[in-house]
Amino acid sequence: MNKLIQKNKLLAFATPIFAQDINFHAGEDFEQLENLTVGGMVSGGISLIMLIVALVFFFMLVWGGLRWVMSQGDKTNVENARNQITNALIGLAIVFAAWAIMKLIGTLFGVQILDGLSIPTFN
């Protein structure tokens, strides 16, 4: 039995390995980096942070709702869940107000703070 196990281990090393053709073209693959600016990186960072914060507050809202459902009528647990939902809604309101203010600044003054962040539409 040990010899059979050792032969199977050797077969695992004898399997063929197929390399993938990457088609790496240094001049063509990095053309987007020529357009990279500090303002673009800051804008992307702000957009990423706002997205992460909005997702965190959304999941806090969902978790607060689940805590409320699972509280089984206990007053302290219901109160804690209600406070968590309230705080999550306040956080979401702050994030979306900040987004609206940045879009307003972009419209009024032409300073595009959030280049890549837009609300998806059905058009």
PDB file of N, CA and C in Angstrom:
ATOM      1  N   MET A   1       0.827  -1.189   0.000  1.00  0.00           N
ATOM      2  CA  MET A   1       0.000   0.000   0.000  1.00  0.00           C
ATOM      3  C   MET A   1       0.875   1.258   0.000  1.00  0.00           C
ATOM      4  N   ASN A   2       1.959   1.253   0.762  1.00  0.00           N
ATOM      5  CA  ASN A   2       2.865   2.407   0.802  1.00  0.00           C
ATOM      6  C   ASN A   2       3.497   2.668  -0.555  1.00  0.00           C
ATOM      7  N   LYS A   3       3.831   1.569  -1.293  1.00  0.00           N
ATOM      8  CA  LYS A   3       4.424   1.750  -2.621  1.00  0.00           C
ATOM      9  C   LYS A   3       3.427   2.394  -3.575  1.00  0.00           C
ATOM     10  N   LEU A   4       2.163   2.040  -3.449  1.00  0.00           N
ATOM     11  CA  LEU A   4       1.137   2.620  -4.298  1.00  0.00           C
ATOM     12  C   LEU A   4       0.968   4.113  -4.004  1.00  0.00           C
ATOM     13  N   ILE A   5       1.010   4.466  -2.738  1.00  0.00           N
ATOM     14  CA  ILE A   5       0.894   5.876  -2.350  1.00  0.00           C
ATOM     15  C   ILE A   5       2.095   6.672  -2.859  1.00  0.00           C
ATOM     16  N   GLN A   6       3.295   6.099  -2.765  1.00  0.00           N
ATOM     17  CA  GLN A   6       4.486   6.793  -3.246  1.00  0.00           C
ATOM     18  C   GLN A   6       4.450   6.974  -4.753  1.00  0.00           C
ATOM     19  N   LYS A   7       3.956   5.968  -5.485  1.00  0.00           N
ATOM     20  CA  LYS A   7       3.861   6.096  -6.943  1.00  0.00           C
ATOM     21  C   LYS A   7       2.843   7.171  -7.320  1.00  0.00           C
ATOM     22  N   ASN A   8       1.748   7.267  -6.568  1.00  0.00           N
ATOM     23  CA  ASN A   8       0.755   8.314  -6.846  1.00  0.00           C
ATOM     24  C   ASN A   8       1.337   9.699  -6.582  1.00  0.00           C
ATOM     25  N   LYS A   9       2.174   9.820  -5.557  1.00  0.00           N
ATOM     26  CA  LYS A   9       2.820  11.094  -5.289  1.00  0.00           C
ATOM     27  C   LYS A   9       3.755  11.479  -6.428  1.00  0.00           C
ATOM     28  N   LEU A  10       4.460  10.509  -6.975  1.00  0.00           N
ATOM     29  CA  LEU A  10       5.349  10.776  -8.105  1.00  0.00           C
ATOM     30  C   LEU A  10       4.556  11.154  -9.347  1.00  0.00           C
ATOM     31  N   LEU A  11       3.391  10.576  -9.534  1.00  0.00           N
ATOM     32  CA  LEU A  11       2.568  10.924 -10.685  1.00  0.00           C
ATOM     33  C   LEU A  11       2.100  12.375 -10.622  1.00  0.00           C
ATOM     34  N   ALA A  12       1.904  12.870  -9.425  1.00  0.00           N
ATOM     35  CA  ALA A  12       1.484  14.265  -9.280  1.00  0.00           C
ATOM     36  C   ALA A  12       2.562  15.210  -9.791  1.00  0.00           C
ATOM     37  N   PHE A  13       3.813  14.835  -9.638  1.00  0.00           N
ATOM     38  CA  PHE A  13       4.909  15.672 -10.138  1.00  0.00           C
ATOM     39  C   PHE A  13       5.145  15.486 -11.627  1.00  0.00           C
ATOM     40  N   ALA A  14       4.645  14.417 -12.210  1.00  0.00           N
ATOM     41  CA  ALA A  14       4.879  14.122 -13.614  1.00  0.00           C
ATOM     42  C   ALA A  14       3.803  14.693 -14.521  1.00  0.00           C
ATOM     43  N   THR A  15       2.817  15.381 -13.980  1.00  0.00           N
ATOM     44  CA  THR A  15       1.767  15.937 -14.832  1.00  0.00           C
ATOM     45  C   THR A  15       2.331  17.071 -15.668  1.00  0.00           C
ATOM     46  N   PRO A  16       1.846  17.203 -16.881  1.00  0.00           N
ATOM     47  CA  PRO A  16       2.379  18.266 -17.749  1.00  0.00           C
ATOM     48  C   PRO A  16       1.923  19.645 -17.253  1.00  0.00           C
ATOM     49  N   ILE A  17       2.782  20.608 -17.485  1.00  0.00           N
ATOM     50  CA  ILE A  17       2.499  21.988 -17.099  1.00  0.00           C
ATOM     51  C   ILE A  17       2.404  22.803 -18.377  1.00  0.00           C
ATOM     52  N   PHE A  18       1.319  23.543 -18.516  1.00  0.00           N
ATOM     53  CA  PHE A  18       1.106  24.350 -19.696  1.00  0.00           C
ATOM     54  C   PHE A  18       1.255  25.818 -19.334  1.00  0.00           C
ATOM     55  N   ALA A  19       2.170  26.489 -19.999  1.00  0.00           N
ATOM     56  CA  ALA A  19       2.382  27.911 -19.747  1.00  0.00           C
ATOM     57  C   ALA A  19       1.406  28.721 -20.587  1.00  0.00           C
ATOM     58  N   GLN A  20       0.983  29.843 -20.042  1.00  0.00           N
ATOM     59  CA  GLN A  20       0.057  30.697 -20.754  1.00  0.00           C
ATOM     60  C   GLN A  20       0.832  31.774 -21.499  1.00  0.00           C
ATOM     61  N   ASP A  21       0.424  32.027 -22.723  1.00  0.00           N
ATOM     62  CA  ASP A  21       1.035  33.080 -23.506  1.00  0.00           C
ATOM     63  C   ASP A  21       0.428  34.410 -23.073  1.00  0.00           C
ATOM     64  N   ILE A  22       1.240  35.299 -22.542  1.00  0.00           N
ATOM     65  CA  ILE A  22       0.742  36.531 -21.966  1.00  0.00           C
ATOM     66  C   ILE A  22       0.625  37.640 -23.015  1.00  0.00           C
ATOM     67  N   ASN A  23       1.406  37.615 -24.046  1.00  0.00           N
ATOM     68  CA  ASN A  23       1.440  38.682 -25.045  1.00  0.00           C
ATOM     69  C   ASN A  23       1.732  40.024 -24.392  1.00  0.00           C
ATOM     70  N   PHE A  24       2.834  40.120 -23.723  1.00  0.00           N
ATOM     71  CA  PHE A  24       3.230  41.325 -23.006  1.00  0.00           C
ATOM     72  C   PHE A  24       3.876  42.282 -23.987  1.00  0.00           C
ATOM     73  N   HIS A  25       3.234  43.432 -24.165  1.00  0.00           N
ATOM     74  CA  HIS A  25       3.767  44.475 -25.033  1.00  0.00           C
ATOM     75  C   HIS A  25       3.916  45.735 -24.184  1.00  0.00           C
ATOM     76  N   ALA A  26       5.135  46.058 -23.821  1.00  0.00           N
ATOM     77  CA  ALA A  26       5.382  47.146 -22.879  1.00  0.00           C
ATOM     78  C   ALA A  26       4.858  48.478 -23.386  1.00  0.00           C
ATOM     79  N   GLY A  27       4.942  48.729 -24.670  1.00  0.00           N
ATOM     80  CA  GLY A  27       4.488  50.007 -25.187  1.00  0.00           C
ATOM     81  C   GLY A  27       2.981  50.137 -25.210  1.00  0.00           C
ATOM     82  N   GLU A  28       2.264  49.037 -25.433  1.00  0.00           N
ATOM     83  CA  GLU A  28       0.818  49.094 -25.571  1.00  0.00           C
ATOM     84  C   GLU A  28       0.092  48.891 -24.247  1.00  0.00           C
ATOM     85  N   ASP A  29       0.626  48.067 -23.370  1.00  0.00           N
ATOM     86  CA  ASP A  29      -0.075  47.723 -22.140  1.00  0.00           C
ATOM     87  C   ASP A  29      -0.078  48.843 -21.115  1.00  0.00           C
ATOM     88  N   PHE A  30       0.843  49.760 -21.202  1.00  0.00           N
ATOM     89  CA  PHE A  30       0.964  50.800 -20.194  1.00  0.00           C
ATOM     90  C   PHE A  30       0.644  52.186 -20.742  1.00  0.00           C
ATOM     91  N   GLU A  31      -0.142  52.255 -21.816  1.00  0.00           N
ATOM     92  CA  GLU A  31      -0.494  53.564 -22.379  1.00  0.00           C
ATOM     93  C   GLU A  31      -1.334  54.383 -21.405  1.00  0.00           C
ATOM     94  N   GLN A  32      -2.165  53.727 -20.600  1.00  0.00           N
ATOM     95  CA  GLN A  32      -3.016  54.448 -19.651  1.00  0.00           C
ATOM     96  C   GLN A  32      -2.194  55.153 -18.574  1.00  0.00           C
ATOM     97  N   LEU A  33      -0.994  54.662 -18.281  1.00  0.00           N
ATOM     98  CA  LEU A  33      -0.165  55.286 -17.247  1.00  0.00           C
ATOM     99  C   LEU A  33       0.358  56.650 -17.673  1.00  0.00           C
ATOM    100  N   GLU A  34       0.391  56.914 -18.979  1.00  0.00           N
ATOM    101  CA  GLU A  34       0.839  58.219 -19.437  1.00  0.00           C
ATOM    102  C   GLU A  34      -0.143  59.312 -19.039  1.00  0.00           C
ATOM    103  N   ASN A  35      -1.419  58.959 -18.905  1.00  0.00           N
ATOM    104  CA  ASN A  35      -2.445  59.936 -18.556  1.00  0.00           C
ATOM    105  C   ASN A  35      -2.653  60.049 -17.054  1.00  0.00           C
ATOM    106  N   LEU A  36      -1.891  59.332 -16.259  1.00  0.00           N
ATOM    107  CA  LEU A  36      -2.047  59.328 -14.808  1.00  0.00           C
ATOM    108  C   LEU A  36      -1.466  60.605 -14.210  1.00  0.00           C
ATOM    109  N   THR A  37      -2.298  61.288 -13.420  1.00  0.00           N
ATOM    110  CA  THR A  37      -1.863  62.518 -12.772  1.00  0.00           C
ATOM    111  C   THR A  37      -2.113  62.409 -11.275  1.00  0.00           C
ATOM    112  N   VAL A  38      -1.539  63.333 -10.531  1.00  0.00           N
ATOM    113  CA  VAL A  38      -1.749  63.353  -9.081  1.00  0.00           C
ATOM    114  C   VAL A  38      -3.223  63.612  -8.781  1.00  0.00           C
ATOM    115  N   GLY A  39      -3.824  64.531  -9.528  1.00  0.00           N
ATOM    116  CA  GLY A  39      -5.245  64.820  -9.341  1.00  0.00           C
ATOM    117  C   GLY A  39      -6.114  63.606  -9.620  1.00  0.00           C
ATOM    118  N   GLY A  40      -5.743  62.846 -10.638  1.00  0.00           N
ATOM    119  CA  GLY A  40      -6.486  61.625 -10.953  1.00  0.00           C
ATOM    120  C   GLY A  40      -6.360  60.580  -9.861  1.00  0.00           C
ATOM    121  N   MET A  41      -5.157  60.472  -9.279  1.00  0.00           N
ATOM    122  CA  MET A  41      -4.970  59.518  -8.183  1.00  0.00           C
ATOM    123  C   MET A  41      -5.739  59.949  -6.942  1.00  0.00           C
ATOM    124  N   VAL A  42      -5.744  61.252  -6.639  1.00  0.00           N
ATOM    125  CA  VAL A  42      -6.501  61.749  -5.485  1.00  0.00           C
ATOM    126  C   VAL A  42      -7.997  61.530  -5.712  1.00  0.00           C
ATOM    127  N   SER A  43      -8.464  61.831  -6.919  1.00  0.00           N
ATOM    128  CA  SER A  43      -9.867  61.622  -7.251  1.00  0.00           C
ATOM    129  C   SER A  43     -10.256  60.155  -7.125  1.00  0.00           C
ATOM    130  N   GLY A  44      -9.403  59.276  -7.619  1.00  0.00           N
ATOM    131  CA  GLY A  44      -9.664  57.845  -7.492  1.00  0.00           C
ATOM    132  C   GLY A  44      -9.646  57.390  -6.046  1.00  0.00           C
ATOM    133  N   GLY A  45      -8.737  57.942  -5.250  1.00  0.00           N
ATOM    134  CA  GLY A  45      -8.677  57.591  -3.831  1.00  0.00           C
ATOM    135  C   GLY A  45      -9.910  58.046  -3.075  1.00  0.00           C
ATOM    136  N   ILE A  46     -10.364  59.270  -3.367  1.00  0.00           N
ATOM    137  CA  ILE A  46     -11.569  59.778  -2.719  1.00  0.00           C
ATOM    138  C   ILE A  46     -12.775  58.939  -3.115  1.00  0.00           C
ATOM    139  N   SER A  47     -12.868  58.595  -4.393  1.00  0.00           N
ATOM    140  CA  SER A  47     -13.982  57.766  -4.863  1.00  0.00           C
ATOM    141  C   SER A  47     -13.966  56.402  -4.194  1.00  0.00           C
ATOM    142  N   LEU A  48     -12.783  55.815  -4.075  1.00  0.00           N
ATOM    143  CA  LEU A  48     -12.669  54.508  -3.439  1.00  0.00           C
ATOM    144  C   LEU A  48     -13.037  54.573  -1.968  1.00  0.00           C
ATOM    145  N   ILE A  49     -12.571  55.593  -1.273  1.00  0.00           N
ATOM    146  CA  ILE A  49     -12.887  55.740   0.150  1.00  0.00           C
ATOM    147  C   ILE A  49     -14.385  55.937   0.349  1.00  0.00           C
ATOM    148  N   MET A  50     -15.005  56.779  -0.491  1.00  0.00           N
ATOM    149  CA  MET A  50     -16.445  57.008  -0.363  1.00  0.00           C
ATOM    150  C   MET A  50     -17.234  55.733  -0.630  1.00  0.00           C
ATOM    151  N   LEU A  51     -16.798  54.949  -1.600  1.00  0.00           N
ATOM    152  CA  LEU A  51     -17.473  53.690  -1.892  1.00  0.00           C
ATOM    153  C   LEU A  51     -17.354  52.717  -0.731  1.00  0.00           C
ATOM    154  N   ILE A  52     -16.165  52.595  -0.168  1.00  0.00           N
ATOM    155  CA  ILE A  52     -15.951  51.680   0.962  1.00  0.00           C
ATOM    156  C   ILE A  52     -16.768  52.120   2.171  1.00  0.00           C
ATOM    157  N   VAL A  53     -16.763  53.422   2.469  1.00  0.00           N
ATOM    158  CA  VAL A  53     -17.512  53.928   3.622  1.00  0.00           C
ATOM    159  C   VAL A  53     -19.009  53.712   3.426  1.00  0.00           C
ATOM    160  N   ALA A  54     -19.518  53.954   2.207  1.00  0.00           N
ATOM    161  CA  ALA A  54     -20.943  53.730   1.948  1.00  0.00           C
ATOM    162  C   ALA A  54     -21.298  52.258   2.117  1.00  0.00           C
ATOM    163  N   LEU A  55     -20.427  51.360   1.659  1.00  0.00           N
ATOM    164  CA  LEU A  55     -20.681  49.926   1.839  1.00  0.00           C
ATOM    165  C   LEU A  55     -20.649  49.526   3.307  1.00  0.00           C
ATOM    166  N   VAL A  56     -19.736  50.090   4.071  1.00  0.00           N
ATOM    167  CA  VAL A  56     -19.670  49.783   5.505  1.00  0.00           C
ATOM    168  C   VAL A  56     -20.945  50.221   6.205  1.00  0.00           C
ATOM    169  N   PHE A  57     -21.409  51.438   5.916  1.00  0.00           N
ATOM    170  CA  PHE A  57     -22.641  51.905   6.554  1.00  0.00           C
ATOM    171  C   PHE A  57     -23.851  51.101   6.095  1.00  0.00           C
ATOM    172  N   PHE A  58     -23.870  50.678   4.831  1.00  0.00           N
ATOM    173  CA  PHE A  58     -24.973  49.853   4.355  1.00  0.00           C
ATOM    174  C   PHE A  58     -25.007  48.524   5.103  1.00  0.00           C
ATOM    175  N   PHE A  59     -23.847  47.883   5.257  1.00  0.00           N
ATOM    176  CA  PHE A  59     -23.818  46.604   5.977  1.00  0.00           C
ATOM    177  C   PHE A  59     -24.111  46.795   7.463  1.00  0.00           C
ATOM    178  N   MET A  60     -23.736  47.952   8.023  1.00  0.00           N
ATOM    179  CA  MET A  60     -24.137  48.238   9.409  1.00  0.00           C
ATOM    180  C   MET A  60     -25.653  48.348   9.516  1.00  0.00           C
ATOM    181  N   LEU A  61     -26.284  48.948   8.509  1.00  0.00           N
ATOM    182  CA  LEU A  61     -27.738  49.065   8.484  1.00  0.00           C
ATOM    183  C   LEU A  61     -28.394  47.690   8.409  1.00  0.00           C
ATOM    184  N   VAL A  62     -27.890  46.845   7.535  1.00  0.00           N
ATOM    185  CA  VAL A  62     -28.436  45.487   7.408  1.00  0.00           C
ATOM    186  C   VAL A  62     -28.213  44.703   8.694  1.00  0.00           C
ATOM    187  N   TRP A  63     -27.031  44.811   9.270  1.00  0.00           N
ATOM    188  CA  TRP A  63     -26.738  44.081  10.506  1.00  0.00           C
ATOM    189  C   TRP A  63     -27.613  44.582  11.662  1.00  0.00           C
ATOM    190  N   GLY A  64     -27.866  45.880  11.709  1.00  0.00           N
ATOM    191  CA  GLY A  64     -28.763  46.415  12.725  1.00  0.00           C
ATOM    192  C   GLY A  64     -30.178  45.873  12.572  1.00  0.00           C
ATOM    193  N   GLY A  65     -30.644  45.757  11.328  1.00  0.00           N
ATOM    194  CA  GLY A  65     -31.955  45.158  11.079  1.00  0.00           C
ATOM    195  C   GLY A  65     -32.008  43.709  11.511  1.00  0.00           C
ATOM    196  N   LEU A  66     -30.942  42.969  11.232  1.00  0.00           N
ATOM    197  CA  LEU A  66     -30.895  41.565  11.663  1.00  0.00           C
ATOM    198  C   LEU A  66     -30.851  41.457  13.184  1.00  0.00           C
ATOM    199  N   ARG A  67     -30.115  42.365  13.819  1.00  0.00           N
ATOM    200  CA  ARG A  67     -30.078  42.355  15.292  1.00  0.00           C
ATOM    201  C   ARG A  67     -31.449  42.655  15.878  1.00  0.00           C
ATOM    202  N   TRP A  68     -32.196  43.554  15.236  1.00  0.00           N
ATOM    203  CA  TRP A  68     -33.534  43.888  15.708  1.00  0.00           C
ATOM    204  C   TRP A  68     -34.452  42.673  15.597  1.00  0.00           C
ATOM    205  N   VAL A  69     -34.360  41.973  14.452  1.00  0.00           N
ATOM    206  CA  VAL A  69     -35.200  40.784  14.253  1.00  0.00           C
ATOM    207  C   VAL A  69     -34.825  39.683  15.245  1.00  0.00           C
ATOM    208  N   MET A  70     -33.529  39.545  15.524  1.00  0.00           N
ATOM    209  CA  MET A  70     -33.070  38.472  16.418  1.00  0.00           C
ATOM    210  C   MET A  70     -33.117  38.859  17.892  1.00  0.00           C
ATOM    211  N   SER A  71     -33.594  40.061  18.212  1.00  0.00           N
ATOM    212  CA  SER A  71     -33.587  40.503  19.612  1.00  0.00           C
ATOM    213  C   SER A  71     -34.635  39.800  20.459  1.00  0.00           C
ATOM    214  N   GLN A  72     -35.616  39.210  19.853  1.00  0.00           N
ATOM    215  CA  GLN A  72     -36.661  38.448  20.539  1.00  0.00           C
ATOM    216  C   GLN A  72     -37.391  39.281  21.587  1.00  0.00           C
ATOM    217  N   GLY A  73     -37.553  40.559  21.327  1.00  0.00           N
ATOM    218  CA  GLY A  73     -38.323  41.414  22.221  1.00  0.00           C
ATOM    219  C   GLY A  73     -37.580  41.946  23.423  1.00  0.00           C
ATOM    220  N   ASP A  74     -36.311  41.612  23.589  1.00  0.00           N
ATOM    221  CA  ASP A  74     -35.529  42.128  24.710  1.00  0.00           C
ATOM    222  C   ASP A  74     -35.308  43.629  24.501  1.00  0.00           C
ATOM    223  N   LYS A  75     -35.690  44.440  25.476  1.00  0.00           N
ATOM    224  CA  LYS A  75     -35.677  45.896  25.310  1.00  0.00           C
ATOM    225  C   LYS A  75     -34.277  46.455  25.059  1.00  0.00           C
ATOM    226  N   THR A  76     -33.284  45.940  25.763  1.00  0.00           N
ATOM    227  CA  THR A  76     -31.929  46.469  25.565  1.00  0.00           C
ATOM    228  C   THR A  76     -31.401  46.108  24.176  1.00  0.00           C
ATOM    229  N   ASN A  77     -31.671  44.885  23.722  1.00  0.00           N
ATOM    230  CA  ASN A  77     -31.209  44.494  22.388  1.00  0.00           C
ATOM    231  C   ASN A  77     -31.933  45.273  21.290  1.00  0.00           C
ATOM    232  N   VAL A  78     -33.234  45.512  21.485  1.00  0.00           N
ATOM    233  CA  VAL A  78     -33.991  46.303  20.514  1.00  0.00           C
ATOM    234  C   VAL A  78     -33.461  47.732  20.470  1.00  0.00           C
ATOM    235  N   GLU A  79     -33.183  48.291  21.631  1.00  0.00           N
ATOM    236  CA  GLU A  79     -32.655  49.661  21.692  1.00  0.00           C
ATOM    237  C   GLU A  79     -31.279  49.759  21.036  1.00  0.00           C
ATOM    238  N   ASN A  80     -30.405  48.766  21.281  1.00  0.00           N
ATOM    239  CA  ASN A  80     -29.076  48.761  20.645  1.00  0.00           C
ATOM    240  C   ASN A  80     -29.194  48.635  19.134  1.00  0.00           C
ATOM    241  N   ALA A  81     -30.095  47.768  18.677  1.00  0.00           N
ATOM    242  CA  ALA A  81     -30.286  47.596  17.234  1.00  0.00           C
ATOM    243  C   ALA A  81     -30.841  48.875  16.616  1.00  0.00           C
ATOM    244  N   ARG A  82     -31.788  49.527  17.305  1.00  0.00           N
ATOM    245  CA  ARG A  82     -32.367  50.774  16.806  1.00  0.00           C
ATOM    246  C   ARG A  82     -31.282  51.859  16.721  1.00  0.00           C
ATOM    247  N   ASN A  83     -30.428  51.934  17.717  1.00  0.00           N
ATOM    248  CA  ASN A  83     -29.335  52.917  17.690  1.00  0.00           C
ATOM    249  C   ASN A  83     -28.369  52.629  16.544  1.00  0.00           C
ATOM    250  N   GLN A  84     -28.086  51.358  16.294  1.00  0.00           N
ATOM    251  CA  GLN A  84     -27.182  51.012  15.200  1.00  0.00           C
ATOM    252  C   GLN A  84     -27.801  51.387  13.854  1.00  0.00           C
ATOM    253  N   ILE A  85     -29.095  51.137  13.687  1.00  0.00           N
ATOM    254  CA  ILE A  85     -29.771  51.502  12.444  1.00  0.00           C
ATOM    255  C   ILE A  85     -29.764  53.025  12.264  1.00  0.00           C
ATOM    256  N   THR A  86     -30.036  53.750  13.344  1.00  0.00           N
ATOM    257  CA  THR A  86     -30.028  55.211  13.274  1.00  0.00           C
ATOM    258  C   THR A  86     -28.647  55.733  12.902  1.00  0.00           C
ATOM    259  N   ASN A  87     -27.625  55.201  13.531  1.00  0.00           N
ATOM    260  CA  ASN A  87     -26.253  55.636  13.226  1.00  0.00           C
ATOM    261  C   ASN A  87     -25.865  55.294  11.796  1.00  0.00           C
ATOM    262  N   ALA A  88     -26.280  54.133  11.308  1.00  0.00           N
ATOM    263  CA  ALA A  88     -25.967  53.750   9.932  1.00  0.00           C
ATOM    264  C   ALA A  88     -26.671  54.667   8.942  1.00  0.00           C
ATOM    265  N   LEU A  89     -27.911  55.010   9.215  1.00  0.00           N
ATOM    266  CA  LEU A  89     -28.630  55.933   8.325  1.00  0.00           C
ATOM    267  C   LEU A  89     -28.005  57.325   8.336  1.00  0.00           C
ATOM    268  N   ILE A  90     -27.572  57.786   9.495  1.00  0.00           N
ATOM    269  CA  ILE A  90     -26.885  59.083   9.572  1.00  0.00           C
ATOM    270  C   ILE A  90     -25.577  59.027   8.782  1.00  0.00           C
ATOM    271  N   GLY A  91     -24.838  57.937   8.916  1.00  0.00           N
ATOM    272  CA  GLY A  91     -23.590  57.784   8.167  1.00  0.00           C
ATOM    273  C   GLY A  91     -23.820  57.764   6.669  1.00  0.00           C
ATOM    274  N   LEU A  92     -24.857  57.032   6.218  1.00  0.00           N
ATOM    275  CA  LEU A  92     -25.168  57.015   4.789  1.00  0.00           C
ATOM    276  C   LEU A  92     -25.578  58.397   4.303  1.00  0.00           C
ATOM    277  N   ALA A  93     -26.342  59.114   5.104  1.00  0.00           N
ATOM    278  CA  ALA A  93     -26.750  60.469   4.725  1.00  0.00           C
ATOM    279  C   ALA A  93     -25.538  61.390   4.595  1.00  0.00           C
ATOM    280  N   ILE A  94     -24.580  61.253   5.503  1.00  0.00           N
ATOM    281  CA  ILE A  94     -23.365  62.079   5.439  1.00  0.00           C
ATOM    282  C   ILE A  94     -22.554  61.749   4.194  1.00  0.00           C
ATOM    283  N   VAL A  95     -22.414  60.467   3.873  1.00  0.00           N
ATOM    284  CA  VAL A  95     -21.644  60.066   2.688  1.00  0.00           C
ATOM    285  C   VAL A  95     -22.305  60.585   1.422  1.00  0.00           C
ATOM    286  N   PHE A  96     -23.611  60.422   1.320  1.00  0.00           N
ATOM    287  CA  PHE A  96     -24.282  60.891   0.110  1.00  0.00           C
ATOM    288  C   PHE A  96     -24.342  62.418   0.048  1.00  0.00           C
ATOM    289  N   ALA A  97     -24.403  63.097   1.178  1.00  0.00           N
ATOM    290  CA  ALA A  97     -24.335  64.557   1.176  1.00  0.00           C
ATOM    291  C   ALA A  97     -22.950  65.022   0.719  1.00  0.00           C
ATOM    292  N   ALA A  98     -21.905  64.340   1.163  1.00  0.00           N
ATOM    293  CA  ALA A  98     -20.549  64.684   0.717  1.00  0.00           C
ATOM    294  C   ALA A  98     -20.407  64.459  -0.786  1.00  0.00           C
ATOM    295  N   TRP A  99     -20.993  63.363  -1.279  1.00  0.00           N
ATOM    296  CA  TRP A  99     -20.959  63.095  -2.718  1.00  0.00           C
ATOM    297  C   TRP A  99     -21.686  64.200  -3.479  1.00  0.00           C
ATOM    298  N   ALA A 100     -22.864  64.607  -2.987  1.00  0.00           N
ATOM    299  CA  ALA A 100     -23.643  65.650  -3.656  1.00  0.00           C
ATOM    300  C   ALA A 100     -22.903  66.988  -3.639  1.00  0.00           C
ATOM    301  N   ILE A 101     -22.245  67.302  -2.534  1.00  0.00           N
ATOM    302  CA  ILE A 101     -21.478  68.554  -2.445  1.00  0.00           C
ATOM    303  C   ILE A 101     -20.318  68.533  -3.429  1.00  0.00           C
ATOM    304  N   MET A 102     -19.635  67.399  -3.544  1.00  0.00           N
ATOM    305  CA  MET A 102     -18.517  67.311  -4.496  1.00  0.00           C
ATOM    306  C   MET A 102     -19.007  67.410  -5.933  1.00  0.00           C
ATOM    307  N   LYS A 103     -20.161  66.823  -6.230  1.00  0.00           N
ATOM    308  CA  LYS A 103     -20.724  66.960  -7.575  1.00  0.00           C
ATOM    309  C   LYS A 103     -21.146  68.404  -7.838  1.00  0.00           C
ATOM    310  N   LEU A 104     -21.705  69.085  -6.823  1.00  0.00           N
ATOM    311  CA  LEU A 104     -22.102  70.479  -6.963  1.00  0.00           C
ATOM    312  C   LEU A 104     -20.886  71.363  -7.204  1.00  0.00           C
ATOM    313  N   ILE A 105     -19.807  71.126  -6.479  1.00  0.00           N
ATOM    314  CA  ILE A 105     -18.562  71.879  -6.694  1.00  0.00           C
ATOM    315  C   ILE A 105     -18.055  71.645  -8.115  1.00  0.00           C
ATOM    316  N   GLY A 106     -18.144  70.391  -8.575  1.00  0.00           N
ATOM    317  CA  GLY A 106     -17.719  70.096  -9.941  1.00  0.00           C
ATOM    318  C   GLY A 106     -18.555  70.805 -10.981  1.00  0.00           C
ATOM    319  N   THR A 107     -19.851  70.913 -10.733  1.00  0.00           N
ATOM    320  CA  THR A 107     -20.730  71.585 -11.687  1.00  0.00           C
ATOM    321  C   THR A 107     -20.537  73.099 -11.670  1.00  0.00           C
ATOM    322  N   LEU A 108     -20.447  73.690 -10.487  1.00  0.00           N
ATOM    323  CA  LEU A 108     -20.344  75.154 -10.386  1.00  0.00           C
ATOM    324  C   LEU A 108     -18.975  75.687 -10.775  1.00  0.00           C
ATOM    325  N   PHE A 109     -17.916  75.018 -10.328  1.00  0.00           N
ATOM    326  CA  PHE A 109     -16.572  75.558 -10.515  1.00  0.00           C
ATOM    327  C   PHE A 109     -15.746  74.802 -11.556  1.00  0.00           C
ATOM    328  N   GLY A 110     -16.251  73.712 -12.062  1.00  0.00           N
ATOM    329  CA  GLY A 110     -15.524  72.948 -13.067  1.00  0.00           C
ATOM    330  C   GLY A 110     -14.392  72.110 -12.513  1.00  0.00           C
ATOM    331  N   VAL A 111     -14.325  71.953 -11.198  1.00  0.00           N
ATOM    332  CA  VAL A 111     -13.294  71.140 -10.570  1.00  0.00           C
ATOM    333  C   VAL A 111     -13.868  69.736 -10.394  1.00  0.00           C
ATOM    334  N   GLN A 112     -13.401  68.801 -11.172  1.00  0.00           N
ATOM    335  CA  GLN A 112     -13.941  67.445 -11.128  1.00  0.00           C
ATOM    336  C   GLN A 112     -13.213  66.639 -10.058  1.00  0.00           C
ATOM    337  N   ILE A 113     -13.804  66.579  -8.879  1.00  0.00           N
ATOM    338  CA  ILE A 113     -13.213  65.838  -7.775  1.00  0.00           C
ATOM    339  C   ILE A 113     -13.463  64.351  -7.943  1.00  0.00           C
ATOM    340  N   LEU A 114     -14.647  64.004  -8.412  1.00  0.00           N
ATOM    341  CA  LEU A 114     -15.032  62.603  -8.569  1.00  0.00           C
ATOM    342  C   LEU A 114     -15.190  62.276 -10.046  1.00  0.00           C
ATOM    343  N   ASP A 115     -14.085  62.094 -10.753  1.00  0.00           N
ATOM    344  CA  ASP A 115     -14.156  61.803 -12.182  1.00  0.00           C
ATOM    345  C   ASP A 115     -14.807  60.461 -12.468  1.00  0.00           C
ATOM    346  N   GLY A 116     -14.375  59.419 -11.776  1.00  0.00           N
ATOM    347  CA  GLY A 116     -14.824  58.076 -12.111  1.00  0.00           C
ATOM    348  C   GLY A 116     -16.056  57.617 -11.369  1.00  0.00           C
ATOM    349  N   LEU A 117     -16.561  58.378 -10.415  1.00  0.00           N
ATOM    350  CA  LEU A 117     -17.686  57.940  -9.593  1.00  0.00           C
ATOM    351  C   LEU A 117     -18.970  58.561 -10.102  1.00  0.00           C
ATOM    352  N   SER A 118     -19.884  57.733 -10.558  1.00  0.00           N
ATOM    353  CA  SER A 118     -21.176  58.239 -11.020  1.00  0.00           C
ATOM    354  C   SER A 118     -22.249  57.229 -10.654  1.00  0.00           C
ATOM    355  N   ILE A 119     -23.463  57.726 -10.549  1.00  0.00           N
ATOM    356  CA  ILE A 119     -24.586  56.845 -10.235  1.00  0.00           C
ATOM    357  C   ILE A 119     -25.008  56.139 -11.512  1.00  0.00           C
ATOM    358  N   PRO A 120     -25.134  54.817 -11.479  1.00  0.00           N
ATOM    359  CA  PRO A 120     -25.562  54.093 -12.688  1.00  0.00           C
ATOM    360  C   PRO A 120     -26.991  54.468 -13.063  1.00  0.00           C
ATOM    361  N   THR A 121     -27.250  54.536 -14.362  1.00  0.00           N
ATOM    362  CA  THR A 121     -28.581  54.855 -14.858  1.00  0.00           C
ATOM    363  C   THR A 121     -29.086  53.718 -15.732  1.00  0.00           C
ATOM    364  N   PHE A 122     -30.359  53.770 -16.077  1.00  0.00           N
ATOM    365  CA  PHE A 122     -30.966  52.724 -16.882  1.00  0.00           C
ATOM    366  C   PHE A 122     -31.003  53.073 -18.355  1.00  0.00           C
ATOM    367  N   ASN A 123     -30.391  54.167 -18.786  1.00  0.00           N
ATOM    368  CA  ASN A 123     -30.423  54.582 -20.188  1.00  0.00           C
ATOM    369  C   ASN A 123     -29.508  53.718 -21.005  1.00  0.00           C
TER     370      ASN A 123
END
